[in-house]
Amino acid sequence: MGQAYKQDTINMYTSGCTADLGDTKCKVVLGDFTDSGSVTALSISSNVNRVFVDTSLSESDRHYDEGIITWKTGNNAGIQMEVRGYLLSDPAETNDASVTLLEPMLLDIQVGDTYDISAGCDKSIGTCFTKFDNVINFRGFPHIPGVAEMNNYGNRVSEVT
């Protein structure tokens, strides 16, 4: 009976979107923003199970940031991980497209491992508008004042003469 008291009954007011990309509130079809690829080279840095290269990726920088990678084959088949960063031309990785995962994979990533990778969303209205053309389903309040603006109340010169 007490479970009803633990349920959220209010909306949170924040400038960023409160929906998750692809959920029923967001309504973006993730399949339209998902690509397949395979590992063409391992990282030349010390982040072997966290950074890899795929020369077939062609989206612009940061397109997959905060997205999800799902491994289809290899040691990590069936495992998902959040993407921390994506660069189309990474100077640290021989100027090829590199994917950096949020956390290292538990098992070794190997050349030839295949995966699906979905675009990420930073939950800003700008990304919702330009990247996903989905601003009608934006679940944030981008025009509410921030803490700094609220602390300025009463410190401004009055516009009333």
N, C-alpha and C. Protein backbone atom coordinates (compact mmCIF):
# COMPACT_ATOMS: atom_id res chain seq x y z
N MET A 1 0.81 -1.19 0.00
CA MET A 1 0.00 0.00 0.00
C MET A 1 0.85 1.27 0.00
N GLY A 2 1.99 1.23 0.65
CA GLY A 2 2.86 2.39 0.73
C GLY A 2 3.60 2.69 -0.56
N GLN A 3 3.56 1.75 -1.53
CA GLN A 3 4.25 1.94 -2.80
C GLN A 3 3.71 3.16 -3.54
N ALA A 4 2.44 3.48 -3.41
CA ALA A 4 1.86 4.63 -4.10
C ALA A 4 2.52 5.94 -3.67
N TYR A 5 3.00 6.01 -2.45
CA TYR A 5 3.65 7.22 -1.96
C TYR A 5 5.06 7.41 -2.52
N LYS A 6 5.64 6.34 -3.06
CA LYS A 6 6.99 6.41 -3.62
C LYS A 6 7.00 6.82 -5.10
N GLN A 7 5.87 6.94 -5.72
CA GLN A 7 5.78 7.29 -7.14
C GLN A 7 5.95 8.79 -7.33
N ASP A 8 6.63 9.16 -8.44
CA ASP A 8 6.77 10.58 -8.78
C ASP A 8 5.42 11.14 -9.19
N THR A 9 5.08 12.28 -8.62
CA THR A 9 3.80 12.90 -8.95
C THR A 9 3.97 14.30 -9.51
N ILE A 10 5.22 14.75 -9.61
CA ILE A 10 5.47 16.10 -10.13
C ILE A 10 6.44 16.01 -11.31
N ASN A 11 6.42 17.01 -12.15
CA ASN A 11 7.38 17.12 -13.24
C ASN A 11 8.59 17.90 -12.77
N MET A 12 9.75 17.55 -13.30
CA MET A 12 10.97 18.26 -12.97
C MET A 12 11.16 19.38 -14.00
N TYR A 13 11.49 20.57 -13.52
CA TYR A 13 11.73 21.71 -14.40
C TYR A 13 13.22 21.89 -14.56
N THR A 14 13.70 21.67 -15.77
CA THR A 14 15.11 21.79 -16.10
C THR A 14 15.24 22.26 -17.53
N SER A 15 16.34 22.92 -17.84
CA SER A 15 16.50 23.42 -19.21
C SER A 15 16.75 22.29 -20.19
N GLY A 16 17.33 21.18 -19.74
CA GLY A 16 17.57 20.03 -20.61
C GLY A 16 16.35 19.13 -20.69
N CYS A 17 16.31 18.31 -21.71
CA CYS A 17 15.18 17.39 -21.92
C CYS A 17 15.19 16.30 -20.85
N THR A 18 14.03 15.93 -20.38
CA THR A 18 13.92 14.88 -19.37
C THR A 18 13.61 13.52 -19.99
N ALA A 19 13.37 13.48 -21.29
CA ALA A 19 13.10 12.20 -21.96
C ALA A 19 14.42 11.54 -22.33
N ASP A 20 14.38 10.24 -22.53
CA ASP A 20 15.55 9.51 -23.03
C ASP A 20 15.38 9.33 -24.53
N LEU A 21 16.47 9.47 -25.26
CA LEU A 21 16.41 9.35 -26.71
C LEU A 21 15.78 8.02 -27.11
N GLY A 22 14.70 8.12 -27.88
CA GLY A 22 14.03 6.93 -28.39
C GLY A 22 12.91 6.40 -27.52
N ASP A 23 12.66 7.01 -26.34
CA ASP A 23 11.57 6.49 -25.51
C ASP A 23 10.22 7.02 -25.99
N THR A 24 9.16 6.66 -25.28
CA THR A 24 7.81 7.03 -25.72
C THR A 24 7.55 8.53 -25.63
N LYS A 25 8.28 9.24 -24.80
CA LYS A 25 8.12 10.69 -24.73
C LYS A 25 8.90 11.39 -25.82
N CYS A 26 10.07 10.89 -26.13
CA CYS A 26 10.93 11.49 -27.16
C CYS A 26 10.40 11.18 -28.56
N LYS A 27 10.05 9.94 -28.80
CA LYS A 27 9.46 9.46 -30.06
C LYS A 27 10.42 9.43 -31.24
N VAL A 28 11.72 9.65 -31.03
CA VAL A 28 12.69 9.48 -32.11
C VAL A 28 12.84 7.98 -32.38
N VAL A 29 12.82 7.59 -33.64
CA VAL A 29 13.01 6.20 -34.01
C VAL A 29 14.53 5.97 -34.09
N LEU A 30 15.07 5.24 -33.13
CA LEU A 30 16.52 5.06 -33.05
C LEU A 30 17.09 4.35 -34.27
N GLY A 31 16.31 3.51 -34.91
CA GLY A 31 16.79 2.81 -36.10
C GLY A 31 17.22 3.77 -37.20
N ASP A 32 16.60 4.94 -37.27
CA ASP A 32 16.98 5.94 -38.27
C ASP A 32 18.32 6.59 -37.96
N PHE A 33 18.81 6.44 -36.74
CA PHE A 33 20.05 7.07 -36.30
C PHE A 33 21.05 6.03 -35.80
N THR A 34 20.94 4.80 -36.30
CA THR A 34 21.83 3.71 -35.91
C THR A 34 22.61 3.23 -37.12
N ASP A 35 23.89 3.04 -36.94
CA ASP A 35 24.76 2.54 -38.00
C ASP A 35 25.45 1.27 -37.52
N SER A 36 25.87 0.47 -38.49
CA SER A 36 26.63 -0.74 -38.19
C SER A 36 28.07 -0.53 -38.61
N GLY A 37 28.96 -1.21 -37.93
CA GLY A 37 30.37 -1.09 -38.28
C GLY A 37 31.15 -2.25 -37.74
N SER A 38 32.44 -2.21 -38.00
CA SER A 38 33.34 -3.22 -37.45
C SER A 38 34.67 -2.56 -37.10
N VAL A 39 35.33 -3.12 -36.14
CA VAL A 39 36.60 -2.59 -35.67
C VAL A 39 37.65 -2.86 -36.73
N THR A 40 38.29 -1.80 -37.24
CA THR A 40 39.33 -1.97 -38.26
C THR A 40 40.73 -1.87 -37.66
N ALA A 41 40.85 -1.26 -36.50
CA ALA A 41 42.14 -1.18 -35.81
C ALA A 41 41.89 -0.93 -34.34
N LEU A 42 42.83 -1.39 -33.54
CA LEU A 42 42.75 -1.12 -32.11
C LEU A 42 43.48 0.17 -31.81
N SER A 43 43.20 0.74 -30.67
CA SER A 43 43.80 2.00 -30.27
C SER A 43 45.32 1.88 -30.21
N ILE A 44 45.99 2.93 -30.66
CA ILE A 44 47.45 2.94 -30.54
C ILE A 44 47.87 3.53 -29.19
N SER A 45 46.87 4.01 -28.42
CA SER A 45 47.16 4.53 -27.08
C SER A 45 47.04 3.40 -26.07
N SER A 46 47.05 3.74 -24.82
CA SER A 46 46.97 2.72 -23.76
C SER A 46 45.53 2.29 -23.47
N ASN A 47 44.55 2.90 -24.13
CA ASN A 47 43.14 2.58 -23.88
C ASN A 47 42.63 1.48 -24.80
N VAL A 48 43.27 0.33 -24.80
CA VAL A 48 42.99 -0.72 -25.77
C VAL A 48 41.53 -1.19 -25.74
N ASN A 49 40.94 -1.37 -24.60
CA ASN A 49 39.56 -1.86 -24.52
C ASN A 49 38.55 -0.74 -24.38
N ARG A 50 38.98 0.48 -24.67
CA ARG A 50 38.09 1.62 -24.54
C ARG A 50 38.02 2.45 -25.82
N VAL A 51 39.06 2.45 -26.62
CA VAL A 51 39.13 3.23 -27.85
C VAL A 51 39.45 2.30 -29.01
N PHE A 52 38.70 2.45 -30.11
CA PHE A 52 38.99 1.67 -31.30
C PHE A 52 38.73 2.51 -32.54
N VAL A 53 39.20 2.03 -33.67
CA VAL A 53 39.11 2.74 -34.94
C VAL A 53 38.19 1.95 -35.87
N ASP A 54 37.34 2.69 -36.61
CA ASP A 54 36.53 2.10 -37.67
C ASP A 54 36.55 3.05 -38.86
N THR A 55 37.24 2.68 -39.89
CA THR A 55 37.40 3.56 -41.05
C THR A 55 36.13 3.68 -41.89
N SER A 56 35.11 2.87 -41.61
CA SER A 56 33.87 2.96 -42.38
C SER A 56 32.91 4.03 -41.86
N LEU A 57 33.13 4.53 -40.65
CA LEU A 57 32.25 5.56 -40.10
C LEU A 57 32.50 6.89 -40.80
N SER A 58 31.40 7.61 -41.11
CA SER A 58 31.56 8.86 -41.87
C SER A 58 30.76 10.03 -41.32
N GLU A 59 30.11 9.86 -40.19
CA GLU A 59 29.33 10.97 -39.61
C GLU A 59 30.29 12.03 -39.06
N SER A 60 29.77 13.23 -38.84
CA SER A 60 30.58 14.33 -38.34
C SER A 60 30.99 14.08 -36.88
N ASP A 61 32.02 14.83 -36.45
CA ASP A 61 32.51 14.72 -35.07
C ASP A 61 31.36 14.84 -34.08
N ARG A 62 31.45 14.06 -33.01
CA ARG A 62 30.53 14.07 -31.87
C ARG A 62 29.12 13.54 -32.18
N HIS A 63 28.91 13.01 -33.38
CA HIS A 63 27.58 12.50 -33.74
C HIS A 63 27.14 11.37 -32.81
N TYR A 64 28.06 10.51 -32.43
CA TYR A 64 27.71 9.36 -31.59
C TYR A 64 27.96 9.62 -30.10
N ASP A 65 28.45 10.81 -29.72
CA ASP A 65 28.68 11.11 -28.31
C ASP A 65 27.40 10.88 -27.52
N GLU A 66 27.51 10.17 -26.41
CA GLU A 66 26.39 9.84 -25.51
C GLU A 66 25.41 8.87 -26.13
N GLY A 67 25.82 8.23 -27.23
CA GLY A 67 25.01 7.18 -27.85
C GLY A 67 25.32 5.83 -27.21
N ILE A 68 24.79 4.78 -27.82
CA ILE A 68 24.98 3.43 -27.30
C ILE A 68 25.59 2.56 -28.38
N ILE A 69 26.57 1.76 -27.99
CA ILE A 69 27.14 0.76 -28.89
C ILE A 69 26.70 -0.61 -28.38
N THR A 70 26.26 -1.46 -29.30
CA THR A 70 25.86 -2.83 -28.98
C THR A 70 26.74 -3.76 -29.79
N TRP A 71 27.52 -4.57 -29.12
CA TRP A 71 28.42 -5.48 -29.81
C TRP A 71 27.63 -6.66 -30.36
N LYS A 72 27.83 -6.97 -31.64
CA LYS A 72 27.13 -8.08 -32.30
C LYS A 72 27.98 -9.34 -32.35
N THR A 73 29.28 -9.19 -32.49
CA THR A 73 30.17 -10.35 -32.51
C THR A 73 31.39 -10.06 -31.64
N GLY A 74 32.19 -11.10 -31.44
CA GLY A 74 33.41 -10.95 -30.65
C GLY A 74 33.20 -11.31 -29.20
N ASN A 75 34.21 -11.04 -28.40
CA ASN A 75 34.18 -11.38 -26.97
C ASN A 75 33.05 -10.68 -26.23
N ASN A 76 32.64 -9.52 -26.69
CA ASN A 76 31.63 -8.71 -26.00
C ASN A 76 30.24 -8.79 -26.62
N ALA A 77 30.00 -9.79 -27.45
CA ALA A 77 28.71 -9.92 -28.16
C ALA A 77 27.54 -9.83 -27.18
N GLY A 78 26.58 -8.96 -27.53
CA GLY A 78 25.38 -8.78 -26.71
C GLY A 78 25.51 -7.72 -25.63
N ILE A 79 26.69 -7.20 -25.43
CA ILE A 79 26.92 -6.21 -24.37
C ILE A 79 26.78 -4.81 -24.95
N GLN A 80 26.18 -3.92 -24.18
CA GLN A 80 26.03 -2.51 -24.58
C GLN A 80 26.93 -1.64 -23.71
N MET A 81 27.36 -0.52 -24.30
CA MET A 81 28.16 0.45 -23.56
C MET A 81 27.87 1.83 -24.12
N GLU A 82 27.89 2.83 -23.26
CA GLU A 82 27.69 4.21 -23.70
C GLU A 82 28.96 4.72 -24.39
N VAL A 83 28.75 5.52 -25.44
CA VAL A 83 29.86 6.12 -26.17
C VAL A 83 30.20 7.45 -25.53
N ARG A 84 31.45 7.62 -25.17
CA ARG A 84 31.87 8.88 -24.56
C ARG A 84 32.22 9.91 -25.64
N GLY A 85 32.87 9.47 -26.70
CA GLY A 85 33.27 10.41 -27.73
C GLY A 85 33.49 9.76 -29.08
N TYR A 86 33.31 10.54 -30.12
CA TYR A 86 33.53 10.07 -31.49
C TYR A 86 34.16 11.20 -32.28
N LEU A 87 35.23 10.89 -33.00
CA LEU A 87 35.87 11.85 -33.88
C LEU A 87 36.03 11.20 -35.26
N LEU A 88 35.62 11.92 -36.29
CA LEU A 88 35.75 11.41 -37.66
C LEU A 88 37.21 11.30 -38.06
N SER A 89 38.01 12.25 -37.61
CA SER A 89 39.44 12.24 -37.93
C SER A 89 40.21 12.52 -36.65
N ASP A 90 40.64 11.47 -35.99
CA ASP A 90 41.30 11.60 -34.70
C ASP A 90 42.82 11.57 -34.88
N PRO A 91 43.49 12.70 -34.64
CA PRO A 91 44.94 12.73 -34.82
C PRO A 91 45.68 11.75 -33.91
N ALA A 92 45.09 11.42 -32.78
CA ALA A 92 45.73 10.47 -31.87
C ALA A 92 45.62 9.04 -32.39
N GLU A 93 44.74 8.81 -33.34
CA GLU A 93 44.51 7.46 -33.88
C GLU A 93 44.73 7.45 -35.39
N THR A 94 45.85 7.92 -35.85
CA THR A 94 46.25 7.93 -37.27
C THR A 94 45.23 8.63 -38.17
N ASN A 95 44.55 9.64 -37.65
CA ASN A 95 43.58 10.44 -38.41
C ASN A 95 42.40 9.65 -38.96
N ASP A 96 42.09 8.52 -38.37
CA ASP A 96 40.90 7.75 -38.75
C ASP A 96 39.79 7.98 -37.73
N ALA A 97 38.59 7.53 -38.09
CA ALA A 97 37.45 7.69 -37.19
C ALA A 97 37.66 6.82 -35.95
N SER A 98 37.53 7.44 -34.77
CA SER A 98 37.73 6.69 -33.53
C SER A 98 36.50 6.83 -32.64
N VAL A 99 36.25 5.77 -31.89
CA VAL A 99 35.16 5.72 -30.93
C VAL A 99 35.78 5.50 -29.56
N THR A 100 35.41 6.36 -28.60
CA THR A 100 35.87 6.20 -27.22
C THR A 100 34.66 5.83 -26.38
N LEU A 101 34.75 4.73 -25.67
CA LEU A 101 33.65 4.25 -24.83
C LEU A 101 33.74 4.90 -23.45
N LEU A 102 32.61 4.96 -22.77
CA LEU A 102 32.57 5.56 -21.43
C LEU A 102 33.45 4.77 -20.46
N GLU A 103 33.37 3.47 -20.52
CA GLU A 103 34.16 2.58 -19.67
C GLU A 103 34.84 1.55 -20.55
N PRO A 104 35.98 1.02 -20.15
CA PRO A 104 36.60 -0.05 -20.93
C PRO A 104 35.72 -1.29 -20.93
N MET A 105 35.72 -2.01 -22.04
CA MET A 105 34.99 -3.27 -22.09
C MET A 105 35.71 -4.28 -21.21
N LEU A 106 34.96 -5.19 -20.58
CA LEU A 106 35.57 -6.17 -19.69
C LEU A 106 36.43 -7.16 -20.46
N LEU A 107 35.97 -7.52 -21.65
CA LEU A 107 36.72 -8.46 -22.48
C LEU A 107 37.38 -7.72 -23.64
N ASP A 108 38.41 -8.29 -24.18
CA ASP A 108 39.18 -7.63 -25.23
C ASP A 108 38.35 -7.35 -26.48
N ILE A 109 38.48 -6.12 -27.01
CA ILE A 109 37.95 -5.77 -28.32
C ILE A 109 38.98 -6.23 -29.33
N GLN A 110 38.52 -6.84 -30.43
CA GLN A 110 39.44 -7.36 -31.43
C GLN A 110 39.08 -6.81 -32.81
N VAL A 111 40.08 -6.71 -33.67
CA VAL A 111 39.84 -6.29 -35.05
C VAL A 111 38.85 -7.27 -35.67
N GLY A 112 37.83 -6.72 -36.34
CA GLY A 112 36.80 -7.54 -36.96
C GLY A 112 35.52 -7.66 -36.14
N ASP A 113 35.56 -7.27 -34.87
CA ASP A 113 34.33 -7.29 -34.05
C ASP A 113 33.32 -6.35 -34.69
N THR A 114 32.07 -6.78 -34.79
CA THR A 114 31.03 -5.94 -35.39
C THR A 114 30.11 -5.40 -34.30
N TYR A 115 29.45 -4.30 -34.63
CA TYR A 115 28.62 -3.62 -33.64
C TYR A 115 27.58 -2.76 -34.34
N ASP A 116 26.58 -2.34 -33.57
CA ASP A 116 25.63 -1.29 -33.96
C ASP A 116 25.91 -0.11 -33.04
N ILE A 117 25.88 1.09 -33.60
CA ILE A 117 26.14 2.29 -32.81
C ILE A 117 25.05 3.30 -33.11
N SER A 118 24.46 3.85 -32.06
CA SER A 118 23.37 4.83 -32.25
C SER A 118 23.86 6.22 -31.89
N ALA A 119 23.28 7.21 -32.55
CA ALA A 119 23.61 8.61 -32.28
C ALA A 119 23.24 8.94 -30.84
N GLY A 120 23.93 9.90 -30.29
CA GLY A 120 23.66 10.31 -28.92
C GLY A 120 22.96 11.66 -28.87
N CYS A 121 22.42 11.98 -27.71
CA CYS A 121 21.71 13.24 -27.51
C CYS A 121 22.22 13.89 -26.23
N ASP A 122 22.57 15.18 -26.33
CA ASP A 122 23.03 15.90 -25.14
C ASP A 122 21.89 16.56 -24.38
N LYS A 123 20.66 16.29 -24.83
CA LYS A 123 19.43 16.76 -24.17
C LYS A 123 19.22 18.27 -24.25
N SER A 124 19.87 18.92 -25.21
CA SER A 124 19.65 20.35 -25.41
C SER A 124 18.62 20.57 -26.52
N ILE A 125 17.94 21.70 -26.48
CA ILE A 125 16.94 21.98 -27.50
C ILE A 125 17.58 22.17 -28.87
N GLY A 126 18.81 22.67 -28.90
CA GLY A 126 19.52 22.84 -30.17
C GLY A 126 19.76 21.52 -30.86
N THR A 127 20.21 20.52 -30.11
CA THR A 127 20.44 19.19 -30.68
C THR A 127 19.12 18.57 -31.11
N CYS A 128 18.10 18.74 -30.30
CA CYS A 128 16.78 18.19 -30.63
C CYS A 128 16.28 18.77 -31.95
N PHE A 129 16.54 20.04 -32.16
CA PHE A 129 16.08 20.72 -33.38
C PHE A 129 16.93 20.37 -34.59
N THR A 130 18.25 20.52 -34.48
CA THR A 130 19.11 20.36 -35.65
C THR A 130 19.44 18.92 -35.99
N LYS A 131 19.66 18.08 -35.00
CA LYS A 131 20.09 16.71 -35.25
C LYS A 131 18.94 15.75 -35.48
N PHE A 132 17.86 15.92 -34.70
CA PHE A 132 16.77 14.95 -34.73
C PHE A 132 15.47 15.51 -35.30
N ASP A 133 15.39 16.82 -35.55
CA ASP A 133 14.18 17.45 -36.05
C ASP A 133 12.97 17.02 -35.22
N ASN A 134 13.12 17.13 -33.91
CA ASN A 134 12.13 16.58 -32.99
C ASN A 134 11.78 17.56 -31.87
N VAL A 135 11.93 18.86 -32.13
CA VAL A 135 11.73 19.85 -31.09
C VAL A 135 10.30 19.84 -30.55
N ILE A 136 9.35 19.36 -31.33
CA ILE A 136 7.96 19.31 -30.87
C ILE A 136 7.81 18.37 -29.66
N ASN A 137 8.71 17.39 -29.54
CA ASN A 137 8.66 16.46 -28.42
C ASN A 137 9.70 16.76 -27.34
N PHE A 138 10.33 17.93 -27.40
CA PHE A 138 11.33 18.32 -26.41
C PHE A 138 10.67 18.42 -25.04
N ARG A 139 11.24 17.77 -24.05
CA ARG A 139 10.65 17.70 -22.71
C ARG A 139 11.44 18.50 -21.68
N GLY A 140 11.91 19.67 -22.08
CA GLY A 140 12.64 20.53 -21.15
C GLY A 140 12.07 21.93 -21.20
N PHE A 141 12.65 22.80 -20.43
CA PHE A 141 12.22 24.19 -20.34
C PHE A 141 13.44 25.08 -20.55
N PRO A 142 13.85 25.27 -21.82
CA PRO A 142 15.12 25.94 -22.09
C PRO A 142 15.14 27.43 -21.75
N HIS A 143 13.99 28.02 -21.51
CA HIS A 143 13.95 29.47 -21.28
C HIS A 143 13.74 29.85 -19.82
N ILE A 144 13.76 28.87 -18.91
CA ILE A 144 13.66 29.24 -17.50
C ILE A 144 15.00 29.77 -17.05
N PRO A 145 15.02 30.73 -16.16
CA PRO A 145 16.29 31.32 -15.74
C PRO A 145 17.09 30.34 -14.89
N GLY A 146 18.40 30.41 -15.01
CA GLY A 146 19.28 29.58 -14.20
C GLY A 146 19.47 30.19 -12.82
N VAL A 147 20.27 29.54 -12.00
CA VAL A 147 20.51 29.98 -10.63
C VAL A 147 21.15 31.37 -10.62
N ALA A 148 22.11 31.61 -11.51
CA ALA A 148 22.78 32.91 -11.55
C ALA A 148 21.78 34.02 -11.86
N GLU A 149 20.87 33.77 -12.78
CA GLU A 149 19.86 34.77 -13.15
C GLU A 149 18.90 35.02 -11.99
N MET A 150 18.53 33.96 -11.28
CA MET A 150 17.61 34.13 -10.15
C MET A 150 18.28 34.89 -9.01
N ASN A 151 19.58 34.70 -8.82
CA ASN A 151 20.30 35.42 -7.76
C ASN A 151 20.46 36.90 -8.08
N ASN A 152 20.31 37.28 -9.32
CA ASN A 152 20.42 38.68 -9.72
C ASN A 152 19.13 39.45 -9.48
N TYR A 153 18.07 38.80 -9.09
CA TYR A 153 16.78 39.46 -8.90
C TYR A 153 16.92 40.60 -7.89
N GLY A 154 16.45 41.75 -8.29
CA GLY A 154 16.49 42.90 -7.41
C GLY A 154 17.77 43.71 -7.52
N ASN A 155 18.74 43.23 -8.27
CA ASN A 155 20.02 43.92 -8.43
C ASN A 155 20.09 44.72 -9.73
N ARG A 156 19.07 44.66 -10.52
CA ARG A 156 19.09 45.34 -11.81
C ARG A 156 18.52 46.75 -11.69
N VAL A 157 18.93 47.56 -12.62
CA VAL A 157 18.37 48.91 -12.71
C VAL A 157 16.97 48.79 -13.27
N SER A 158 16.03 49.41 -12.63
CA SER A 158 14.65 49.32 -13.07
C SER A 158 14.46 49.98 -14.43
N GLU A 159 13.70 49.29 -15.30
CA GLU A 159 13.42 49.85 -16.62
C GLU A 159 12.21 50.81 -16.56
N VAL A 160 11.52 50.84 -15.42
CA VAL A 160 10.35 51.71 -15.28
C VAL A 160 10.83 53.08 -14.86
N THR A 161 10.37 54.11 -15.55
CA THR A 161 10.81 55.47 -15.21
C THR A 161 9.71 56.26 -14.53
